[in-house]
Protein backbone atom coordinates (compact mmCIF):
# COMPACT_ATOMS: atom_id res chain seq x y z
CA UNK A 1 -45.91 -68.51 42.40
CA UNK A 2 -43.59 -68.93 39.58
CA UNK A 3 -40.88 -66.42 39.10
CA UNK A 4 -41.38 -64.41 35.88
CA UNK A 5 -38.58 -64.22 33.44
CA UNK A 6 -37.39 -60.70 32.64
CA UNK A 7 -37.10 -59.96 28.93
CA UNK A 8 -34.31 -57.80 27.61
CA UNK A 9 -34.64 -55.16 24.95
CA UNK A 10 -33.04 -57.35 22.29
CA UNK A 11 -35.55 -60.12 22.95
CA UNK A 12 -38.46 -57.68 22.71
CA UNK A 13 -37.25 -56.43 19.33
CA UNK A 14 -36.98 -60.01 18.02
CA UNK A 15 -40.54 -60.77 19.13
CA UNK A 16 -41.86 -57.65 17.39
CA UNK A 17 -40.10 -58.65 14.15
CA UNK A 18 -41.63 -62.14 14.30
CA UNK A 19 -45.10 -60.70 14.79
CA UNK A 20 -44.65 -58.31 11.87
CA UNK A 21 -43.56 -61.16 9.57
CA UNK A 22 -46.51 -63.26 10.64
CA UNK A 23 -49.05 -60.59 9.60
CA UNK A 24 -49.78 -61.04 5.87
CA UNK A 25 -49.40 -57.94 3.76
CA UNK A 26 -52.62 -56.39 2.57
CA UNK A 27 -53.45 -57.38 -0.96
CA UNK A 28 -53.51 -54.32 -3.20
CA UNK A 29 -56.95 -53.77 -4.58
CA UNK A 30 -57.22 -53.11 -8.26
CA UNK A 31 -59.60 -50.29 -9.18
CA UNK A 32 -62.80 -51.58 -10.68
CA UNK A 33 -63.39 -50.50 -14.25
CA UNK A 34 -66.16 -47.96 -14.49
CA UNK A 35 -69.10 -49.20 -16.40
CA UNK A 36 -70.66 -46.74 -18.78
CA UNK A 37 -74.41 -46.60 -18.49
CA UNK A 38 -76.15 -47.68 -21.62
CA UNK A 39 -77.22 -44.64 -23.52
CA UNK A 40 -80.91 -44.65 -24.22
CA UNK A 41 -81.96 -43.46 -27.64
CA UNK A 42 -83.23 -39.92 -27.32
CA UNK A 43 -86.70 -39.25 -28.56
CA UNK A 44 -86.71 -37.32 -31.76
CA UNK A 45 -86.67 -33.65 -30.99
CA UNK A 46 -86.03 -30.53 -32.94
CA UNK A 47 -82.40 -29.45 -32.92
CA UNK A 48 -81.86 -26.30 -30.93
CA UNK A 49 -81.11 -23.30 -33.11
CA UNK A 50 -77.65 -21.89 -32.56
CA UNK A 51 -77.64 -18.37 -31.17
CA UNK A 52 -76.81 -15.79 -33.76
CA UNK A 53 -73.55 -13.96 -33.20
CA UNK A 54 -74.23 -10.62 -31.58
CA UNK A 55 -73.28 -7.51 -33.42
CA UNK A 56 -69.90 -6.46 -32.10
CA UNK A 57 -70.20 -3.36 -30.03
CA UNK A 58 -66.90 -1.59 -29.88
CA UNK A 59 -66.25 -0.08 -26.54
CA UNK A 60 -64.55 3.24 -26.79
CA UNK A 61 -60.97 2.97 -25.61
CA UNK A 62 -59.93 5.09 -22.70
CA UNK A 63 -56.83 6.02 -20.75
CA UNK A 64 -56.86 5.26 -17.03
CA UNK A 65 -54.82 6.51 -14.07
CA UNK A 66 -55.11 6.62 -10.29
CA UNK A 67 -54.73 9.69 -8.10
CA UNK A 68 -54.34 9.71 -4.31
CA UNK A 69 -54.39 12.14 -1.40
CA UNK A 70 -54.52 11.20 2.31
CA UNK A 71 -56.97 8.27 2.34
CA UNK A 72 -58.79 9.24 -0.88
CA UNK A 73 -58.29 7.23 -4.04
CA UNK A 74 -59.59 8.42 -7.42
CA UNK A 75 -59.70 6.20 -10.51
CA UNK A 76 -59.81 8.48 -13.55
CA UNK A 77 -60.75 7.45 -17.08
CA UNK A 78 -60.31 9.76 -20.06
CA UNK A 79 -62.07 9.34 -23.42
CA UNK A 80 -61.24 11.44 -26.45
CA UNK A 81 -64.52 10.52 -28.17
CA UNK A 82 -68.07 10.92 -26.95
CA UNK A 83 -69.80 13.65 -25.00
CA UNK A 84 -67.43 16.13 -23.41
CA UNK A 85 -68.33 15.92 -19.73
CA UNK A 86 -66.70 15.58 -16.30
CA UNK A 87 -68.43 12.94 -14.14
CA UNK A 88 -67.49 12.14 -10.54
CA UNK A 89 -69.16 8.98 -9.17
CA UNK A 90 -71.74 9.16 -12.01
CA UNK A 91 -72.69 12.76 -11.15
CA UNK A 92 -71.61 15.98 -12.85
CA UNK A 93 -68.65 17.66 -11.14
CA UNK A 94 -70.84 20.59 -10.00
CA UNK A 95 -73.32 18.24 -8.28
CA UNK A 96 -70.76 16.05 -6.54
CA UNK A 97 -68.60 18.92 -5.26
CA UNK A 98 -71.08 21.66 -4.29
CA UNK A 99 -68.41 24.16 -3.19
CA UNK A 100 -66.94 26.26 -6.02
CA UNK A 101 -63.40 26.24 -4.57
CA UNK A 102 -63.38 22.45 -4.35
CA UNK A 103 -64.70 22.21 -7.94
CA UNK A 104 -61.82 24.43 -9.01
CA UNK A 105 -59.29 22.18 -7.23
CA UNK A 106 -60.69 19.07 -8.95
CA UNK A 107 -60.57 20.65 -12.42
CA UNK A 108 -57.21 22.46 -11.97
CA UNK A 109 -55.24 19.99 -14.13
CA UNK A 110 -57.60 20.47 -17.06
CA UNK A 111 -57.63 24.25 -16.62
CA UNK A 112 -53.83 24.35 -16.61
CA UNK A 113 -53.70 22.48 -19.93
CA UNK A 114 -56.63 24.52 -21.35
CA UNK A 115 -58.52 21.35 -22.25
CA UNK A 116 -61.77 21.57 -20.25
CA UNK A 117 -64.01 20.74 -23.22
CA UNK A 118 -61.74 18.35 -25.10
CA UNK A 119 -62.35 15.12 -23.19
CA UNK A 120 -64.95 13.00 -21.46
CA UNK A 121 -63.65 12.29 -17.98
CA UNK A 122 -65.18 9.78 -15.60
CA UNK A 123 -63.92 9.48 -12.01
CA UNK A 124 -64.61 6.94 -9.28
CA UNK A 125 -63.46 8.35 -5.95
CA UNK A 126 -63.56 6.77 -2.47
CA UNK A 127 -62.41 7.60 1.03
CA UNK A 128 -61.48 10.80 2.82
CA UNK A 129 -63.39 14.06 2.80
CA UNK A 130 -64.44 16.39 0.00
CA UNK A 131 -61.18 18.32 -0.04
CA UNK A 132 -58.88 15.29 -0.17
CA UNK A 133 -61.16 13.69 -2.77
CA UNK A 134 -60.89 16.80 -4.94
CA UNK A 135 -57.09 16.73 -4.65
CA UNK A 136 -57.06 12.99 -5.50
CA UNK A 137 -59.16 13.76 -8.59
CA UNK A 138 -56.72 16.53 -9.59
CA UNK A 139 -53.78 14.13 -9.16
CA UNK A 140 -55.50 11.41 -11.21
CA UNK A 141 -56.51 13.79 -14.01
CA UNK A 142 -52.94 15.10 -14.20
CA UNK A 143 -51.60 11.56 -14.50
CA UNK A 144 -54.13 10.63 -17.18
CA UNK A 145 -53.30 13.78 -19.17
CA UNK A 146 -49.62 12.85 -18.94
CA UNK A 147 -50.39 9.41 -20.40
CA UNK A 148 -52.42 11.07 -23.14
CA UNK A 149 -49.65 13.51 -24.08
CA UNK A 150 -46.17 13.30 -22.49
CA UNK A 151 -45.49 16.91 -23.58
CA UNK A 152 -47.79 18.08 -20.76
CA UNK A 153 -45.31 16.87 -18.14
CA UNK A 154 -43.32 20.09 -17.79
CA UNK A 155 -46.32 22.32 -17.07
CA UNK A 156 -48.10 19.81 -14.81
CA UNK A 157 -44.94 19.09 -12.82
CA UNK A 158 -44.21 22.79 -12.38
CA UNK A 159 -47.73 23.31 -11.00
CA UNK A 160 -47.21 20.42 -8.57
CA UNK A 161 -50.15 18.36 -9.86
CA UNK A 162 -48.08 15.22 -10.56
CA UNK A 163 -46.60 15.02 -7.05
CA UNK A 164 -48.35 12.62 -4.68
CA UNK A 165 -48.71 14.56 -1.42
CA UNK A 166 -47.28 12.15 1.21
CA UNK A 167 -48.76 13.89 4.26
CA UNK A 168 -51.03 11.51 6.13
CA UNK A 169 -52.73 11.60 9.50
CA UNK A 170 -50.38 10.45 12.24
CA UNK A 171 -51.54 7.44 14.23
CA UNK A 172 -52.83 7.73 17.80
CA UNK A 173 -50.38 6.62 20.50
CA UNK A 174 -51.38 4.84 23.68
CA UNK A 175 -51.16 6.98 26.80
CA UNK A 176 -51.98 10.08 24.73
CA UNK A 177 -55.30 11.56 23.66
CA UNK A 178 -54.32 11.80 19.96
CA UNK A 179 -51.09 11.45 18.03
CA UNK A 180 -49.25 13.97 20.23
CA UNK A 181 -51.86 15.58 22.48
CA UNK A 182 -51.08 14.52 26.03
CA UNK A 183 -53.60 14.42 28.90
CA UNK A 184 -53.78 17.65 30.85
CA UNK A 185 -51.03 17.80 33.44
CA UNK A 186 -51.82 18.76 37.07
CA UNK A 187 -49.23 19.74 39.61
CA UNK A 188 -51.28 18.50 42.60
């Protein structure tokens, strides 16, 4: 057997450099020009008639605001023109809120400003129960009335209709039955 010669780090680096120089660099490829397909003459056909401009339908402008309570969110739109009605989720107020007290809560802002039959009001409300939805509607209607006429602010604020009620359900904690209700304690 022949003794093998040990190579040092410097010698290894030199060998790697030689190998790199020996490898020819890749020739850069030029992109091929795209050939346009020859356009065939189209058979004679009738030109398509241009659509006539549609008659402009003006959408009635509205004022929009959002009211909230607990997890309920109400998007309220107010029109000054058109039929004077109060729609909640595309139903009349009396149909959507069957309870008279809840109807009264929802329409409180309008009653306070004595403008029940002055506007068309459309509301989209989601989340929560009937009561919190009615309070969200009241909050949204108050905000929309304020946008309509800033002079309403004093009376609406005094009634408390512009204040967003911050009370929310407290989250459940681990180790407890509910937010604060602890499991029943036994002495023995």
